[in-house]
């Protein structure tokens, strides 16, 4: 097997801090290329289609007629690191799809979608002229929903971890 140098946790944390808004696929590929990690655009797309990596979102470029670019959530870097580590340990893509890595994509997407929805409500709340008591009531409801959304994501992640860990233990004992 050829030599590859996966990212250290502190490197991943730095990349995530510096690119919180997301990265185009080409930038993600470039992060891994100098490290000897084999990852082509086709493989990257395959991982996205298989559900191992999050999907991109289209973001318009500044300037007239500049089009848009697909930005992948920055956690794709962390996921690729895990996928490549698991593959180096002998796991197949099928093994990885049955692992928590696969399910965590959906959990992360759920968290982003809920946050986006609630942020939209917050923005609307700020743009509208509600009476004081009504505004306070809506703000309290929004705060409660944010907490419930966090709790839901945490509980789903906990269940996903328990289910996939159990599946891994069962597979090992057979």
C-alpha atoms as a PDB file:
ATOM      1  CA  UNK A   1       0.000   0.000   0.000  1.00  0.00           C
ATOM      2  CA  UNK A   2       1.330   3.414  -0.871  1.00  0.00           C
ATOM      3  CA  UNK A   3       2.316   5.887   1.803  1.00  0.00           C
ATOM      4  CA  UNK A   4      -0.153   8.577   2.823  1.00  0.00           C
ATOM      5  CA  UNK A   5      -0.097  11.158   5.549  1.00  0.00           C
ATOM      6  CA  UNK A   6      -3.574  11.771   6.927  1.00  0.00           C
ATOM      7  CA  UNK A   7      -4.500  15.027   8.617  1.00  0.00           C
ATOM      8  CA  UNK A   8      -3.893  15.416  12.336  1.00  0.00           C
ATOM      9  CA  UNK A   9      -6.849  16.529  14.500  1.00  0.00           C
ATOM     10  CA  UNK A  10      -5.354  20.000  15.012  1.00  0.00           C
ATOM     11  CA  UNK A  11      -4.933  20.431  11.236  1.00  0.00           C
ATOM     12  CA  UNK A  12      -8.555  19.466  10.666  1.00  0.00           C
ATOM     13  CA  UNK A  13      -9.677  21.906  13.380  1.00  0.00           C
ATOM     14  CA  UNK A  14      -7.665  24.709  11.729  1.00  0.00           C
ATOM     15  CA  UNK A  15      -9.112  23.940   8.280  1.00  0.00           C
ATOM     16  CA  UNK A  16     -12.623  23.901   9.739  1.00  0.00           C
ATOM     17  CA  UNK A  17     -12.039  27.252  11.496  1.00  0.00           C
ATOM     18  CA  UNK A  18     -10.566  28.904   8.401  1.00  0.00           C
ATOM     19  CA  UNK A  19     -13.235  27.595   6.012  1.00  0.00           C
ATOM     20  CA  UNK A  20     -16.411  27.596   8.084  1.00  0.00           C
ATOM     21  CA  UNK A  21     -18.458  28.691   5.047  1.00  0.00           C
ATOM     22  CA  UNK A  22     -17.470  25.609   3.072  1.00  0.00           C
ATOM     23  CA  UNK A  23     -15.006  24.638   0.359  1.00  0.00           C
ATOM     24  CA  UNK A  24     -15.230  23.786  -3.332  1.00  0.00           C
ATOM     25  CA  UNK A  25     -14.343  20.195  -4.200  1.00  0.00           C
ATOM     26  CA  UNK A  26     -11.113  21.323  -5.883  1.00  0.00           C
ATOM     27  CA  UNK A  27      -9.880  22.919  -2.633  1.00  0.00           C
ATOM     28  CA  UNK A  28     -10.710  19.770  -0.665  1.00  0.00           C
ATOM     29  CA  UNK A  29      -8.817  17.627  -3.176  1.00  0.00           C
ATOM     30  CA  UNK A  30      -5.869  20.026  -2.947  1.00  0.00           C
ATOM     31  CA  UNK A  31      -5.722  19.623   0.848  1.00  0.00           C
ATOM     32  CA  UNK A  32      -5.108  15.892   0.462  1.00  0.00           C
ATOM     33  CA  UNK A  33      -3.011  15.799  -2.755  1.00  0.00           C
ATOM     34  CA  UNK A  34       0.370  16.767  -1.235  1.00  0.00           C
ATOM     35  CA  UNK A  35      -0.131  14.139   1.481  1.00  0.00           C
ATOM     36  CA  UNK A  36      -0.183  11.215  -0.936  1.00  0.00           C
ATOM     37  CA  UNK A  37      -3.884  10.521  -0.378  1.00  0.00           C
ATOM     38  CA  UNK A  38      -5.365   9.173  -3.600  1.00  0.00           C
ATOM     39  CA  UNK A  39      -8.550  11.124  -4.182  1.00  0.00           C
ATOM     40  CA  UNK A  40      -9.770  12.093  -7.633  1.00  0.00           C
ATOM     41  CA  UNK A  41     -12.769  14.242  -8.524  1.00  0.00           C
ATOM     42  CA  UNK A  42     -14.551  11.072  -9.659  1.00  0.00           C
ATOM     43  CA  UNK A  43     -13.889   9.354  -6.319  1.00  0.00           C
ATOM     44  CA  UNK A  44     -15.005  12.476  -4.456  1.00  0.00           C
ATOM     45  CA  UNK A  45     -18.292  12.477  -6.446  1.00  0.00           C
ATOM     46  CA  UNK A  46     -18.669   8.740  -5.781  1.00  0.00           C
ATOM     47  CA  UNK A  47     -18.359   9.354  -2.027  1.00  0.00           C
ATOM     48  CA  UNK A  48     -20.993  12.113  -2.233  1.00  0.00           C
ATOM     49  CA  UNK A  49     -23.365   9.919  -4.268  1.00  0.00           C
ATOM     50  CA  UNK A  50     -22.856   7.029  -1.835  1.00  0.00           C
ATOM     51  CA  UNK A  51     -23.842   9.314   1.051  1.00  0.00           C
ATOM     52  CA  UNK A  52     -20.398   9.233   2.665  1.00  0.00           C
ATOM     53  CA  UNK A  53     -19.855  12.961   2.125  1.00  0.00           C
ATOM     54  CA  UNK A  54     -22.322  15.824   2.436  1.00  0.00           C
ATOM     55  CA  UNK A  55     -23.773  17.394  -0.707  1.00  0.00           C
ATOM     56  CA  UNK A  56     -22.696  20.832  -1.837  1.00  0.00           C
ATOM     57  CA  UNK A  57     -24.780  23.972  -1.844  1.00  0.00           C
ATOM     58  CA  UNK A  58     -24.667  26.455  -4.684  1.00  0.00           C
ATOM     59  CA  UNK A  59     -23.325  29.891  -3.790  1.00  0.00           C
ATOM     60  CA  UNK A  60     -23.353  32.806  -6.228  1.00  0.00           C
ATOM     61  CA  UNK A  61     -20.066  34.467  -7.059  1.00  0.00           C
ATOM     62  CA  UNK A  62     -19.675  38.204  -6.682  1.00  0.00           C
ATOM     63  CA  UNK A  63     -19.878  40.177  -9.882  1.00  0.00           C
ATOM     64  CA  UNK A  64     -22.081  40.172 -12.913  1.00  0.00           C
ATOM     65  CA  UNK A  65     -22.422  36.915 -14.840  1.00  0.00           C
ATOM     66  CA  UNK A  66     -19.998  35.053 -12.573  1.00  0.00           C
ATOM     67  CA  UNK A  67     -22.299  32.087 -12.002  1.00  0.00           C
ATOM     68  CA  UNK A  68     -22.123  30.018  -8.865  1.00  0.00           C
ATOM     69  CA  UNK A  69     -19.838  27.552  -7.191  1.00  0.00           C
ATOM     70  CA  UNK A  70     -20.670  24.422  -5.222  1.00  0.00           C
ATOM     71  CA  UNK A  71     -19.408  24.628  -1.661  1.00  0.00           C
ATOM     72  CA  UNK A  72     -19.160  21.499   0.449  1.00  0.00           C
ATOM     73  CA  UNK A  73     -19.539  21.736   4.207  1.00  0.00           C
ATOM     74  CA  UNK A  74     -16.066  21.836   5.715  1.00  0.00           C
ATOM     75  CA  UNK A  75     -16.718  18.635   7.664  1.00  0.00           C
ATOM     76  CA  UNK A  76     -16.181  16.824   4.334  1.00  0.00           C
ATOM     77  CA  UNK A  77     -12.441  17.173   5.055  1.00  0.00           C
ATOM     78  CA  UNK A  78     -12.817  15.360   8.386  1.00  0.00           C
ATOM     79  CA  UNK A  79     -14.956  12.670   6.733  1.00  0.00           C
ATOM     80  CA  UNK A  80     -12.465  12.027   3.932  1.00  0.00           C
ATOM     81  CA  UNK A  81      -9.761  11.687   6.552  1.00  0.00           C
ATOM     82  CA  UNK A  82     -11.852   9.065   8.387  1.00  0.00           C
ATOM     83  CA  UNK A  83     -12.822   7.250   5.175  1.00  0.00           C
ATOM     84  CA  UNK A  84      -9.212   7.028   4.013  1.00  0.00           C
ATOM     85  CA  UNK A  85      -8.104   5.859   7.467  1.00  0.00           C
ATOM     86  CA  UNK A  86     -10.791   3.160   7.499  1.00  0.00           C
ATOM     87  CA  UNK A  87      -9.839   2.064   3.984  1.00  0.00           C
ATOM     88  CA  UNK A  88      -6.166   1.873   5.001  1.00  0.00           C
ATOM     89  CA  UNK A  89      -7.285  -0.417   7.846  1.00  0.00           C
ATOM     90  CA  UNK A  90      -8.892  -2.726   5.282  1.00  0.00           C
ATOM     91  CA  UNK A  91     -12.520  -1.599   5.442  1.00  0.00           C
ATOM     92  CA  UNK A  92     -14.529  -1.612   2.222  1.00  0.00           C
ATOM     93  CA  UNK A  93     -16.880   1.149   1.111  1.00  0.00           C
ATOM     94  CA  UNK A  94     -19.751  -1.167   2.112  1.00  0.00           C
ATOM     95  CA  UNK A  95     -18.268  -1.451   5.623  1.00  0.00           C
ATOM     96  CA  UNK A  96     -17.952   2.317   5.802  1.00  0.00           C
ATOM     97  CA  UNK A  97     -21.523   2.823   4.576  1.00  0.00           C
ATOM     98  CA  UNK A  98     -22.722   0.625   7.441  1.00  0.00           C
ATOM     99  CA  UNK A  99     -20.667   2.592   9.955  1.00  0.00           C
ATOM    100  CA  UNK A 100     -21.502   5.730  11.863  1.00  0.00           C
ATOM    101  CA  UNK A 101     -19.616   7.808   9.242  1.00  0.00           C
ATOM    102  CA  UNK A 102     -22.429   7.211   6.754  1.00  0.00           C
ATOM    103  CA  UNK A 103     -25.194   8.109   9.190  1.00  0.00           C
ATOM    104  CA  UNK A 104     -23.399  11.162  10.514  1.00  0.00           C
ATOM    105  CA  UNK A 105     -23.840  12.844   7.118  1.00  0.00           C
ATOM    106  CA  UNK A 106     -27.587  12.752   7.594  1.00  0.00           C
ATOM    107  CA  UNK A 107     -27.306  13.885  11.183  1.00  0.00           C
ATOM    108  CA  UNK A 108     -25.093  16.836  10.188  1.00  0.00           C
ATOM    109  CA  UNK A 109     -27.530  17.736   7.397  1.00  0.00           C
ATOM    110  CA  UNK A 110     -30.418  17.598   9.851  1.00  0.00           C
ATOM    111  CA  UNK A 111     -28.532  19.923  12.188  1.00  0.00           C
ATOM    112  CA  UNK A 112     -27.753  22.384   9.354  1.00  0.00           C
ATOM    113  CA  UNK A 113     -31.335  22.313   8.065  1.00  0.00           C
ATOM    114  CA  UNK A 114     -32.858  22.901  11.493  1.00  0.00           C
ATOM    115  CA  UNK A 115     -30.395  25.727  12.214  1.00  0.00           C
ATOM    116  CA  UNK A 116     -31.129  27.308   8.835  1.00  0.00           C
ATOM    117  CA  UNK A 117     -34.866  27.116   9.381  1.00  0.00           C
ATOM    118  CA  UNK A 118     -34.664  28.593  12.874  1.00  0.00           C
ATOM    119  CA  UNK A 119     -32.217  31.290  11.735  1.00  0.00           C
ATOM    120  CA  UNK A 120     -34.739  32.208   9.041  1.00  0.00           C
ATOM    121  CA  UNK A 121     -37.450  32.541  11.663  1.00  0.00           C
ATOM    122  CA  UNK A 122     -35.108  34.685  13.772  1.00  0.00           C
ATOM    123  CA  UNK A 123     -34.451  36.961  10.802  1.00  0.00           C
ATOM    124  CA  UNK A 124     -38.169  37.275  10.045  1.00  0.00           C
ATOM    125  CA  UNK A 125     -38.833  38.035  13.678  1.00  0.00           C
ATOM    126  CA  UNK A 126     -36.297  40.861  13.545  1.00  0.00           C
ATOM    127  CA  UNK A 127     -37.801  42.304  10.351  1.00  0.00           C
ATOM    128  CA  UNK A 128     -41.378  42.431  11.584  1.00  0.00           C
ATOM    129  CA  UNK A 129     -43.106  44.855  13.901  1.00  0.00           C
ATOM    130  CA  UNK A 130     -44.596  42.726  16.649  1.00  0.00           C
ATOM    131  CA  UNK A 131     -45.923  44.102  19.902  1.00  0.00           C
ATOM    132  CA  UNK A 132     -43.650  43.672  22.919  1.00  0.00           C
ATOM    133  CA  UNK A 133     -45.491  40.804  24.599  1.00  0.00           C
ATOM    134  CA  UNK A 134     -46.089  38.963  21.319  1.00  0.00           C
ATOM    135  CA  UNK A 135     -42.430  39.428  20.292  1.00  0.00           C
ATOM    136  CA  UNK A 136     -41.224  38.076  23.655  1.00  0.00           C
ATOM    137  CA  UNK A 137     -43.542  35.083  23.318  1.00  0.00           C
ATOM    138  CA  UNK A 138     -42.244  34.312  19.802  1.00  0.00           C
ATOM    139  CA  UNK A 139     -38.625  34.749  20.927  1.00  0.00           C
ATOM    140  CA  UNK A 140     -39.245  32.355  23.824  1.00  0.00           C
ATOM    141  CA  UNK A 141     -40.832  29.812  21.472  1.00  0.00           C
ATOM    142  CA  UNK A 142     -37.858  30.138  19.133  1.00  0.00           C
ATOM    143  CA  UNK A 143     -35.381  29.644  21.989  1.00  0.00           C
ATOM    144  CA  UNK A 144     -37.306  26.540  23.105  1.00  0.00           C
ATOM    145  CA  UNK A 145     -37.292  25.166  19.558  1.00  0.00           C
ATOM    146  CA  UNK A 146     -33.543  25.748  19.265  1.00  0.00           C
ATOM    147  CA  UNK A 147     -32.981  23.757  22.454  1.00  0.00           C
ATOM    148  CA  UNK A 148     -35.327  20.988  21.284  1.00  0.00           C
ATOM    149  CA  UNK A 149     -33.529  20.884  17.920  1.00  0.00           C
ATOM    150  CA  UNK A 150     -30.161  20.509  19.690  1.00  0.00           C
ATOM    151  CA  UNK A 151     -31.613  17.780  21.892  1.00  0.00           C
ATOM    152  CA  UNK A 152     -33.083  15.991  18.866  1.00  0.00           C
ATOM    153  CA  UNK A 153     -29.791  16.056  16.960  1.00  0.00           C
ATOM    154  CA  UNK A 154     -27.909  14.843  20.047  1.00  0.00           C
ATOM    155  CA  UNK A 155     -30.407  12.010  20.614  1.00  0.00           C
ATOM    156  CA  UNK A 156     -30.353  10.961  16.952  1.00  0.00           C
ATOM    157  CA  UNK A 157     -26.533  10.948  17.021  1.00  0.00           C
ATOM    158  CA  UNK A 158     -26.544   8.884  20.215  1.00  0.00           C
ATOM    159  CA  UNK A 159     -28.959   6.365  18.699  1.00  0.00           C
ATOM    160  CA  UNK A 160     -26.940   6.212  15.476  1.00  0.00           C
ATOM    161  CA  UNK A 161     -23.783   5.568  17.416  1.00  0.00           C
ATOM    162  CA  UNK A 162     -25.425   2.823  19.481  1.00  0.00           C
ATOM    163  CA  UNK A 163     -26.988   1.116  16.453  1.00  0.00           C
ATOM    164  CA  UNK A 164     -23.842   1.178  14.323  1.00  0.00           C
ATOM    165  CA  UNK A 165     -21.621   0.126  17.237  1.00  0.00           C
ATOM    166  CA  UNK A 166     -23.944  -2.805  17.894  1.00  0.00           C
ATOM    167  CA  UNK A 167     -23.844  -3.759  14.208  1.00  0.00           C
ATOM    168  CA  UNK A 168     -20.033  -3.614  14.289  1.00  0.00           C
ATOM    169  CA  UNK A 169     -19.914  -5.833  17.405  1.00  0.00           C
ATOM    170  CA  UNK A 170     -22.345  -8.326  15.843  1.00  0.00           C
ATOM    171  CA  UNK A 171     -20.320  -8.453  12.624  1.00  0.00           C
ATOM    172  CA  UNK A 172     -17.105  -9.072  14.572  1.00  0.00           C
ATOM    173  CA  UNK A 173     -18.593 -11.921  16.593  1.00  0.00           C
ATOM    174  CA  UNK A 174     -19.830 -13.814  13.519  1.00  0.00           C
END
